[in-house]
Amino acid sequence: MATQYAINGATAREIAASVERGVSEGALGPGAALPPVRRLAEALGVSPGTVATAYKELRGRGIVVTRGRGGTVVAPAPAVASRRPPKVPAGLRDLAGGHPDPALLPVLVPPSHLPGAWSHRSTPRLARLEEAVRDWLRPDGVPVEHVTFAHGALDLIGRLLSVELRPGDAVAMEDPGYHHLLDLVTALGLRSVPVAVDDEGMRPDALRRALREGVRAVVCSPRAQNPYGGCFSAERRDALLGVLEARPDVLVVENDHASAVSDVPLRTLTAGALARWAHVRTVNKFLGADLRWAAAACDAVTLARHDGRLLLTSGWVSHLLQETVHGLLTDEGTRALVARARETYALRRAALVAELGARGFAAHAASGMNVWVPVVDESAVVNGLRSYGWWVAAGARFRLSSAPGVRISVAGLEPADAARLASDLATVLGESEATYGG
């Protein structure tokens, strides 16, 4: 064995659990080699078939990969690992979390009771919330014949992928992209194929290459792309649709996570001729993170498959939660607050980009709440800014194969503070480039 960790177990399930435990505890790191099947079988006193079954289960769940003559090794980003950010050190200004400004969120007041009585399974969605969702999506050009709900965007996207794909299938993912989605794909036993992004979102040439690799689903952000900030232009949307025409069997999931607080128009792929698609929206960024609710408009087949699986698991989204969301979405005061948040976030983002630009530093932030700054050494920049009282996110947890960078969340960064942050970042970047070779 190439590792000191002792795998144990008498059944395939126990052996797989032992390996997973070693990975989760850090005893088996990414790239660590597992023993050959026959050698481990002899050591444990079980049949080679038992060990082979355990390895097959681990491969299906994305925890290990097999590299031909290179044997079976722990996957580079195992499902039991997490890209979650480290805890913010005490006394630092948190610009890493990506959370909305609490001052721009409405006060949540759940309804005290629900009028009438009905079967939750026979009526899983409140008709008035369905109509509110249609009214929300229709002006943006999203087809609204079929809509459904879930417990947040990750819950919804995870269910869509799990009913459409099988372990080992490939998914085209933005690179850099949202770290929780990258974790989710791995946890489902799927394989992420990186698709490079720029200020207009997914690049058509990179998507074309991913489709050639046989991806069965594409997950993308039409605006406020996290962490890069890209947003589809009309030309980019049309180019992506042209690429996707060749693969009508591919499920396209459009994650419009910051919809109501995005200061750019939606140019949706779903208004094209896609056969399999879903447009997903959540309310976390403008109504509050505790509202674990998301809506999707989709094609009829996708709706049936999603809702069939939902019925067999959680069954429905709480009607109390639905009533709360409906009340906020249709409240004029909340709409005014959301509009103010949208303007405020755009102002704060522009202020930091302008301050960085004045100092000669590139930044990517065409939309959304984040600014992506390319750097040579992420750790040097993160630790350098820490010494000035700032805490930003190293880009490693957002990246698959793209170049290094740091993500700065600007939702709570007042324009008056942008100059100081830019000055501190310029100092740190100058020091790190001098140290690490520019």
Protein backbone atom coordinates (compact mmCIF):
# COMPACT_ATOMS: atom_id res chain seq x y z
CA MET A 1 0.00 0.00 0.00
CA ALA A 2 1.07 3.54 -0.74
CA THR A 3 -0.56 4.83 2.43
CA GLN A 4 -0.45 4.05 6.13
CA TYR A 5 -4.24 4.11 6.44
CA ALA A 6 -5.58 0.62 7.19
CA ILE A 7 -8.69 -0.17 5.16
CA ASN A 8 -10.96 -2.66 6.90
CA GLY A 9 -14.27 -4.41 6.47
CA ALA A 10 -15.76 -7.81 5.66
CA THR A 11 -18.36 -6.73 3.11
CA ALA A 12 -18.27 -4.43 0.09
CA ARG A 13 -20.30 -1.83 1.97
CA GLU A 14 -17.99 -1.92 5.00
CA ILE A 15 -14.87 -1.65 2.82
CA ALA A 16 -16.32 1.30 0.90
CA ALA A 17 -17.30 2.98 4.18
CA SER A 18 -13.78 2.47 5.54
CA VAL A 19 -12.23 4.15 2.49
CA GLU A 20 -14.73 7.01 2.65
CA ARG A 21 -13.97 7.50 6.33
CA GLY A 22 -10.26 7.71 5.53
CA VAL A 23 -10.93 10.33 2.87
CA SER A 24 -13.22 12.42 5.06
CA GLU A 25 -10.74 12.37 7.96
CA GLY A 26 -7.84 13.33 5.70
CA ALA A 27 -5.91 10.09 6.14
CA LEU A 28 -6.39 9.37 2.44
CA GLY A 29 -5.67 12.53 0.52
CA PRO A 30 -6.41 13.30 -3.14
CA GLY A 31 -4.30 11.07 -5.37
CA ALA A 32 -3.59 8.50 -2.62
CA ALA A 33 -3.35 5.02 -4.15
CA LEU A 34 -5.62 2.25 -2.93
CA PRO A 35 -4.29 -1.33 -2.82
CA PRO A 36 -4.82 -3.53 -5.87
CA VAL A 37 -8.03 -5.55 -5.62
CA ARG A 38 -6.39 -8.93 -5.05
CA ARG A 39 -3.89 -7.63 -2.53
CA LEU A 40 -6.58 -5.96 -0.41
CA ALA A 41 -8.83 -9.00 -0.70
CA GLU A 42 -6.03 -11.22 0.60
CA ALA A 43 -5.27 -8.82 3.46
CA LEU A 44 -8.92 -8.66 4.55
CA GLY A 45 -9.70 -12.32 3.97
CA VAL A 46 -12.49 -11.63 1.48
CA SER A 47 -13.02 -12.46 -2.19
CA PRO A 48 -11.60 -10.20 -4.91
CA GLY A 49 -15.18 -9.70 -6.10
CA THR A 50 -16.09 -8.13 -2.74
CA VAL A 51 -13.28 -5.59 -3.01
CA ALA A 52 -14.08 -4.93 -6.68
CA THR A 53 -17.70 -4.19 -5.73
CA ALA A 54 -16.55 -1.77 -3.03
CA TYR A 55 -14.28 0.05 -5.48
CA LYS A 56 -17.09 0.20 -8.04
CA GLU A 57 -19.39 1.84 -5.46
CA LEU A 58 -16.68 4.37 -4.56
CA ARG A 59 -16.12 5.18 -8.25
CA GLY A 60 -19.83 5.65 -8.80
CA ARG A 61 -19.97 8.16 -5.97
CA GLY A 62 -16.97 10.11 -7.23
CA ILE A 63 -14.73 9.29 -4.26
CA VAL A 64 -12.10 7.37 -6.25
CA VAL A 65 -11.05 7.14 -9.88
CA THR A 66 -9.34 4.35 -11.80
CA ARG A 67 -6.36 5.27 -13.96
CA GLY A 68 -5.71 2.09 -15.91
CA ARG A 69 -2.27 0.77 -14.99
CA GLY A 70 -2.06 3.59 -12.46
CA GLY A 71 -4.57 1.73 -10.32
CA THR A 72 -7.37 3.15 -8.19
CA VAL A 73 -6.69 6.43 -6.41
CA VAL A 74 -8.62 8.94 -4.33
CA ALA A 75 -10.30 11.46 -6.64
CA PRO A 76 -8.75 14.95 -6.93
CA ALA A 77 -11.91 16.49 -5.44
CA PRO A 78 -13.61 13.68 -3.51
CA ALA A 79 -17.30 13.98 -2.72
CA VAL A 80 -16.69 13.79 1.01
CA ALA A 81 -14.38 16.79 0.86
CA SER A 82 -15.82 20.29 0.76
CA ARG A 83 -14.97 23.54 -0.93
CA ARG A 84 -16.62 25.44 1.90
CA PRO A 85 -14.68 28.50 2.98
CA PRO A 86 -12.67 28.59 6.19
CA LYS A 87 -14.06 30.39 9.20
CA VAL A 88 -13.57 34.15 9.09
CA PRO A 89 -10.84 35.10 11.60
CA ALA A 90 -11.94 37.35 14.42
CA GLY A 91 -11.66 41.07 13.85
CA LEU A 92 -11.57 40.95 10.04
CA ARG A 93 -13.97 42.56 7.58
CA ASP A 94 -15.68 39.65 5.81
CA LEU A 95 -15.65 40.13 2.04
CA ALA A 96 -15.52 36.40 1.31
CA GLY A 97 -18.97 35.10 2.18
CA GLY A 98 -20.99 36.38 -0.77
CA HIS A 99 -23.96 37.23 1.44
CA PRO A 100 -26.40 40.07 0.77
CA ASP A 101 -26.37 43.16 2.97
CA PRO A 102 -28.78 42.46 5.89
CA ALA A 103 -29.90 46.10 5.77
CA LEU A 104 -31.30 45.45 2.28
CA LEU A 105 -33.36 42.38 3.21
CA PRO A 106 -37.03 42.50 4.23
CA VAL A 107 -38.23 41.50 7.68
CA LEU A 108 -39.64 37.96 7.51
CA VAL A 109 -43.11 37.62 9.02
CA PRO A 110 -44.55 34.16 8.28
CA PRO A 111 -48.36 33.96 8.02
CA SER A 112 -50.03 32.96 11.28
CA HIS A 113 -52.32 30.46 9.58
CA LEU A 114 -53.20 28.99 6.21
CA PRO A 115 -56.70 29.56 4.88
CA GLY A 116 -58.68 26.46 3.94
CA ALA A 117 -57.56 22.87 3.98
CA TRP A 118 -56.21 20.66 1.20
CA SER A 119 -54.08 17.64 0.54
CA HIS A 120 -50.45 18.67 0.30
CA ARG A 121 -49.67 15.79 -2.05
CA SER A 122 -52.59 16.49 -4.37
CA THR A 123 -51.92 20.24 -4.28
CA PRO A 124 -48.15 20.58 -3.73
CA ARG A 125 -47.96 24.12 -5.11
CA LEU A 126 -50.12 27.09 -4.19
CA ALA A 127 -51.85 28.31 -7.33
CA ARG A 128 -51.33 31.98 -6.43
CA LEU A 129 -47.60 31.46 -5.99
CA GLU A 130 -47.43 29.64 -9.33
CA GLU A 131 -49.05 32.65 -10.95
CA ALA A 132 -46.72 35.05 -9.13
CA VAL A 133 -43.76 33.04 -10.44
CA ARG A 134 -45.15 33.18 -13.98
CA ASP A 135 -45.60 36.94 -13.65
CA TRP A 136 -41.99 37.15 -12.42
CA LEU A 137 -40.49 35.10 -15.27
CA ARG A 138 -42.66 36.05 -18.24
CA PRO A 139 -41.32 39.62 -18.76
CA ASP A 140 -37.80 38.17 -19.06
CA GLY A 141 -38.81 35.89 -21.94
CA VAL A 142 -38.76 32.62 -20.00
CA PRO A 143 -41.49 30.18 -21.14
CA VAL A 144 -43.83 29.68 -18.19
CA GLU A 145 -46.17 26.86 -19.18
CA HIS A 146 -44.56 24.45 -16.70
CA VAL A 147 -43.27 25.60 -13.30
CA THR A 148 -42.27 23.78 -10.14
CA PHE A 149 -40.81 24.50 -6.68
CA ALA A 150 -38.05 23.06 -4.52
CA HIS A 151 -36.13 23.70 -1.29
CA GLY A 152 -33.57 26.07 -2.77
CA ALA A 153 -31.58 26.13 -6.01
CA LEU A 154 -29.08 23.44 -4.99
CA ASP A 155 -31.91 21.11 -4.00
CA LEU A 156 -33.63 21.70 -7.32
CA ILE A 157 -30.52 21.36 -9.49
CA GLY A 158 -29.36 18.31 -7.56
CA ARG A 159 -32.71 16.61 -8.14
CA LEU A 160 -32.68 17.46 -11.84
CA LEU A 161 -29.21 15.99 -12.28
CA SER A 162 -29.95 12.90 -10.22
CA VAL A 163 -33.02 11.92 -12.26
CA GLU A 164 -31.36 12.64 -15.62
CA LEU A 165 -27.85 11.31 -15.17
CA ARG A 166 -26.11 8.27 -13.75
CA PRO A 167 -22.88 8.07 -11.73
CA GLY A 168 -19.93 8.64 -14.00
CA ASP A 169 -21.82 10.86 -16.46
CA ALA A 170 -20.27 14.21 -17.34
CA VAL A 171 -21.67 17.69 -16.65
CA ALA A 172 -20.41 20.89 -18.26
CA MET A 173 -19.63 23.33 -15.42
CA GLU A 174 -18.49 26.94 -15.43
CA ASP A 175 -14.81 27.42 -14.60
CA PRO A 176 -14.40 29.26 -12.33
CA GLY A 177 -17.81 28.45 -10.94
CA TYR A 178 -19.96 28.29 -7.81
CA HIS A 179 -18.19 26.03 -5.33
CA HIS A 180 -21.33 24.46 -3.86
CA LEU A 181 -22.45 23.38 -7.33
CA LEU A 182 -19.02 21.88 -8.02
CA ASP A 183 -19.28 19.94 -4.75
CA LEU A 184 -22.82 18.85 -5.59
CA VAL A 185 -21.86 17.39 -8.96
CA THR A 186 -19.06 15.39 -7.35
CA ALA A 187 -21.32 14.22 -4.51
CA LEU A 188 -23.76 12.83 -7.07
CA GLY A 189 -20.97 10.72 -8.53
CA LEU A 190 -20.87 12.82 -11.69
CA ARG A 191 -17.85 14.21 -13.51
CA SER A 192 -17.35 17.96 -13.99
CA VAL A 193 -16.05 19.07 -17.37
CA PRO A 194 -14.72 22.64 -17.06
CA VAL A 195 -16.08 25.29 -19.42
CA ALA A 196 -14.14 28.55 -19.40
CA VAL A 197 -16.05 31.78 -18.77
CA ASP A 198 -15.38 35.43 -19.53
CA ASP A 199 -17.27 38.67 -18.98
CA GLU A 200 -20.10 37.37 -21.17
CA GLY A 201 -20.47 34.04 -19.41
CA MET A 202 -19.71 30.58 -20.81
CA ARG A 203 -17.45 30.65 -23.86
CA PRO A 204 -18.94 28.92 -26.92
CA ASP A 205 -15.66 27.30 -27.95
CA ALA A 206 -15.20 25.81 -24.49
CA LEU A 207 -18.79 24.56 -24.42
CA ARG A 208 -18.30 22.95 -27.83
CA ARG A 209 -15.28 21.05 -26.52
CA ALA A 210 -17.26 19.89 -23.49
CA LEU A 211 -20.08 18.61 -25.69
CA ARG A 212 -17.52 16.64 -27.69
CA GLU A 213 -16.50 14.95 -24.45
CA GLY A 214 -20.04 13.62 -24.14
CA VAL A 215 -21.52 15.78 -21.38
CA ARG A 216 -25.17 15.03 -20.70
CA ALA A 217 -26.03 18.25 -18.90
CA VAL A 218 -24.90 21.89 -18.85
CA VAL A 219 -25.20 24.13 -15.78
CA CYS A 220 -24.70 27.83 -16.44
CA SER A 221 -25.48 31.31 -15.11
CA PRO A 222 -27.00 33.85 -17.52
CA ARG A 223 -25.99 36.81 -15.30
CA ALA A 224 -24.23 37.55 -12.00
CA GLN A 225 -22.03 34.52 -12.65
CA ASN A 226 -20.37 33.46 -9.42
CA PRO A 227 -17.49 34.24 -8.96
CA TYR A 228 -16.51 35.89 -12.26
CA GLY A 229 -19.53 38.16 -12.69
CA GLY A 230 -20.19 37.44 -16.36
CA CYS A 231 -23.56 37.98 -18.03
CA PHE A 232 -24.86 36.81 -21.40
CA SER A 233 -24.94 39.38 -24.15
CA ALA A 234 -27.48 38.80 -26.93
CA GLU A 235 -24.63 37.70 -29.20
CA ARG A 236 -23.24 35.27 -26.61
CA ARG A 237 -26.67 33.77 -25.95
CA ASP A 238 -27.20 33.19 -29.66
CA ALA A 239 -23.73 31.68 -30.06
CA LEU A 240 -24.32 29.26 -27.17
CA LEU A 241 -27.68 28.23 -28.62
CA GLY A 242 -25.94 27.57 -31.92
CA VAL A 243 -23.51 25.24 -30.15
CA LEU A 244 -26.29 23.46 -28.24
CA GLU A 245 -28.34 22.82 -31.38
CA ALA A 246 -26.15 19.83 -32.17
CA ARG A 247 -27.06 18.12 -28.89
CA PRO A 248 -30.83 18.31 -28.28
CA ASP A 249 -30.54 15.45 -25.77
CA VAL A 250 -28.46 17.55 -23.34
CA LEU A 251 -30.27 19.04 -20.34
CA VAL A 252 -29.49 22.77 -19.98
CA VAL A 253 -29.92 24.17 -16.46
CA GLU A 254 -29.87 27.95 -16.26
CA ASN A 255 -29.20 29.17 -12.72
CA ASP A 256 -30.42 32.77 -12.38
CA HIS A 257 -29.56 32.90 -8.67
CA ALA A 258 -29.39 36.69 -8.24
CA SER A 259 -32.22 37.57 -10.61
CA ALA A 260 -34.03 40.40 -8.84
CA VAL A 261 -30.85 42.17 -7.72
CA SER A 262 -29.00 41.84 -11.03
CA ASP A 263 -28.61 45.20 -12.71
CA VAL A 264 -28.39 43.70 -16.22
CA PRO A 265 -31.18 42.23 -18.35
CA LEU A 266 -31.73 38.50 -18.61
CA ARG A 267 -30.84 37.00 -21.97
CA THR A 268 -32.11 33.50 -21.44
CA LEU A 269 -31.22 30.38 -23.36
CA THR A 270 -34.66 28.98 -22.63
CA ALA A 271 -36.39 31.22 -25.17
CA GLY A 272 -34.52 29.35 -27.91
CA ALA A 273 -35.30 25.95 -29.36
CA LEU A 274 -33.90 23.83 -26.53
CA ALA A 275 -35.62 20.46 -26.08
CA ARG A 276 -34.55 19.85 -22.47
CA TRP A 277 -34.13 22.84 -20.19
CA ALA A 278 -34.81 24.39 -16.80
CA HIS A 279 -34.55 28.01 -15.67
CA VAL A 280 -33.97 28.12 -11.90
CA ARG A 281 -34.53 31.07 -9.56
CA THR A 282 -34.14 31.40 -5.83
CA VAL A 283 -34.81 34.27 -3.42
CA ASN A 284 -31.85 33.97 -1.04
CA LYS A 285 -30.02 37.03 -2.36
CA PHE A 286 -32.90 39.46 -1.95
CA LEU A 287 -35.48 38.00 0.46
CA GLY A 288 -33.22 36.13 2.88
CA ALA A 289 -31.18 32.95 3.20
CA ASP A 290 -33.69 31.33 5.57
CA LEU A 291 -36.25 31.15 2.76
CA ARG A 292 -35.13 27.78 1.41
CA TRP A 293 -37.28 28.01 -1.71
CA ALA A 294 -36.64 28.02 -5.41
CA ALA A 295 -38.75 27.97 -8.53
CA ALA A 296 -38.06 26.55 -11.96
CA ALA A 297 -39.69 26.85 -15.33
CA CYS A 298 -38.89 23.86 -17.52
CA ASP A 299 -40.01 21.61 -20.35
CA ALA A 300 -42.77 19.07 -19.72
CA VAL A 301 -40.47 16.04 -19.46
CA THR A 302 -38.16 17.74 -16.98
CA LEU A 303 -41.15 18.83 -14.90
CA ALA A 304 -42.52 15.28 -14.72
CA ARG A 305 -39.19 13.75 -13.76
CA HIS A 306 -38.40 16.38 -11.14
CA ASP A 307 -41.82 16.29 -9.50
CA GLY A 308 -41.92 12.51 -9.56
CA ARG A 309 -38.70 12.33 -7.56
CA LEU A 310 -39.83 15.15 -5.25
CA LEU A 311 -43.00 13.23 -4.47
CA LEU A 312 -40.95 10.22 -3.39
CA THR A 313 -38.62 12.24 -1.14
CA SER A 314 -39.72 15.39 0.68
CA GLY A 315 -43.11 15.30 -1.04
CA TRP A 316 -43.73 19.04 -1.32
CA VAL A 317 -42.46 22.43 -0.27
CA SER A 318 -44.08 23.66 2.93
CA HIS A 319 -47.23 25.65 2.22
CA LEU A 320 -46.30 27.95 5.09
CA LEU A 321 -43.05 28.72 3.29
CA GLN A 322 -44.89 29.19 0.01
CA GLU A 323 -47.30 31.64 1.65
CA THR A 324 -44.38 33.62 3.07
CA VAL A 325 -42.62 33.81 -0.29
CA HIS A 326 -45.83 34.79 -2.05
CA GLY A 327 -46.47 37.58 0.45
CA LEU A 328 -43.01 39.02 -0.09
CA LEU A 329 -42.94 38.66 -3.87
CA THR A 330 -46.23 40.53 -4.19
CA ASP A 331 -45.60 43.18 -1.53
CA GLU A 332 -44.95 46.67 -2.92
CA GLY A 333 -42.73 47.67 -0.02
CA THR A 334 -40.53 44.61 -0.53
CA ARG A 335 -40.33 45.30 -4.25
CA ALA A 336 -39.12 48.82 -3.53
CA LEU A 337 -36.49 47.48 -1.13
CA VAL A 338 -35.30 44.96 -3.72
CA ALA A 339 -35.02 47.71 -6.31
CA ARG A 340 -32.91 49.74 -3.89
CA ALA A 341 -30.72 46.71 -3.23
CA ARG A 342 -30.18 46.20 -6.96
CA GLU A 343 -29.03 49.81 -7.39
CA THR A 344 -26.87 49.71 -4.27
CA TYR A 345 -25.02 46.52 -5.22
CA ALA A 346 -24.32 47.88 -8.71
CA LEU A 347 -22.92 51.09 -7.20
CA ARG A 348 -20.70 49.23 -4.73
CA ARG A 349 -19.39 46.87 -7.38
CA ALA A 350 -18.62 49.72 -9.78
CA ALA A 351 -16.84 51.69 -7.06
CA LEU A 352 -14.35 48.91 -6.33
CA VAL A 353 -13.76 48.15 -10.01
CA ALA A 354 -13.08 51.84 -10.66
CA GLU A 355 -10.66 52.10 -7.74
CA LEU A 356 -8.79 48.99 -8.89
CA GLY A 357 -8.71 50.25 -12.46
CA ALA A 358 -7.28 53.57 -11.33
CA ARG A 359 -4.38 51.62 -9.85
CA GLY A 360 -3.84 49.57 -13.02
CA PHE A 361 -5.33 46.29 -11.86
CA ALA A 362 -7.74 44.16 -13.89
CA ALA A 363 -11.00 43.02 -12.36
CA HIS A 364 -13.97 41.06 -13.68
CA ALA A 365 -17.39 42.15 -12.47
CA ALA A 366 -19.84 42.71 -15.32
CA SER A 367 -22.75 41.93 -12.99
CA GLY A 368 -23.61 40.50 -9.59
CA MET A 369 -22.25 40.99 -6.09
CA ASN A 370 -18.65 39.84 -6.59
CA VAL A 371 -15.42 41.10 -8.11
CA TRP A 372 -12.90 38.59 -9.44
CA VAL A 373 -9.28 39.77 -9.41
CA PRO A 374 -6.66 37.66 -11.24
CA VAL A 375 -3.56 37.08 -9.11
CA VAL A 376 -0.37 35.07 -9.25
CA ASP A 377 -0.53 33.55 -5.77
CA GLU A 378 -3.92 33.34 -4.04
CA SER A 379 -2.62 32.49 -0.58
CA ALA A 380 -0.17 35.38 -0.60
CA VAL A 381 -2.93 37.83 -1.47
CA VAL A 382 -5.45 36.44 1.03
CA ASN A 383 -2.90 36.47 3.84
CA GLY A 384 -1.59 39.87 2.80
CA LEU A 385 -5.05 41.45 2.91
CA ARG A 386 -5.64 39.74 6.24
CA SER A 387 -2.83 41.85 7.68
CA TYR A 388 -4.79 44.96 6.62
CA GLY A 389 -8.01 43.73 8.23
CA TRP A 390 -9.74 42.31 5.13
CA TRP A 391 -10.86 38.73 4.53
CA VAL A 392 -11.39 37.72 0.88
CA ALA A 393 -11.93 34.35 -0.77
CA ALA A 394 -9.08 32.46 -2.40
CA GLY A 395 -10.18 31.38 -5.87
CA ALA A 396 -9.08 27.76 -5.47
CA ARG A 397 -12.44 26.52 -4.28
CA PHE A 398 -14.15 28.01 -7.35
CA ARG A 399 -11.71 26.68 -9.93
CA LEU A 400 -11.36 23.45 -11.89
CA SER A 401 -8.57 24.30 -14.32
CA SER A 402 -8.79 28.08 -14.71
CA ALA A 403 -6.14 30.59 -13.65
CA PRO A 404 -5.79 31.80 -10.03
CA GLY A 405 -7.74 34.72 -8.63
CA VAL A 406 -9.46 36.04 -5.52
CA ARG A 407 -13.16 36.75 -5.11
CA ILE A 408 -14.21 39.90 -3.29
CA SER A 409 -17.86 40.14 -2.26
CA VAL A 410 -19.00 43.75 -2.39
CA ALA A 411 -22.59 43.51 -1.15
CA GLY A 412 -21.62 45.14 2.15
CA LEU A 413 -18.70 47.26 0.93
CA GLU A 414 -19.58 50.94 0.98
CA PRO A 415 -18.05 53.04 -1.85
CA ALA A 416 -16.21 55.07 0.78
CA ASP A 417 -14.30 51.90 1.76
CA ALA A 418 -13.50 50.86 -1.80
CA ALA A 419 -10.52 53.22 -2.12
CA ARG A 420 -8.89 51.88 1.04
CA LEU A 421 -9.43 48.26 0.00
CA ALA A 422 -8.08 48.93 -3.50
CA SER A 423 -5.03 50.65 -2.07
CA ASP A 424 -4.36 47.77 0.31
CA LEU A 425 -4.89 45.23 -2.47
CA ALA A 426 -2.52 47.12 -4.76
CA THR A 427 0.14 47.03 -2.06
CA VAL A 428 -0.37 43.31 -1.47
CA LEU A 429 -0.40 42.50 -5.18
CA GLY A 430 2.80 44.44 -5.70
CA GLU A 431 4.49 42.60 -2.84
CA SER A 432 3.25 39.15 -3.89
CA GLU A 433 4.23 39.60 -7.55
CA ALA A 434 7.69 40.75 -6.53
CA THR A 435 8.01 37.70 -4.29
CA TYR A 436 6.49 35.08 -6.60
CA GLY A 437 7.82 36.21 -9.93
CA GLY A 438 5.01 38.40 -11.31
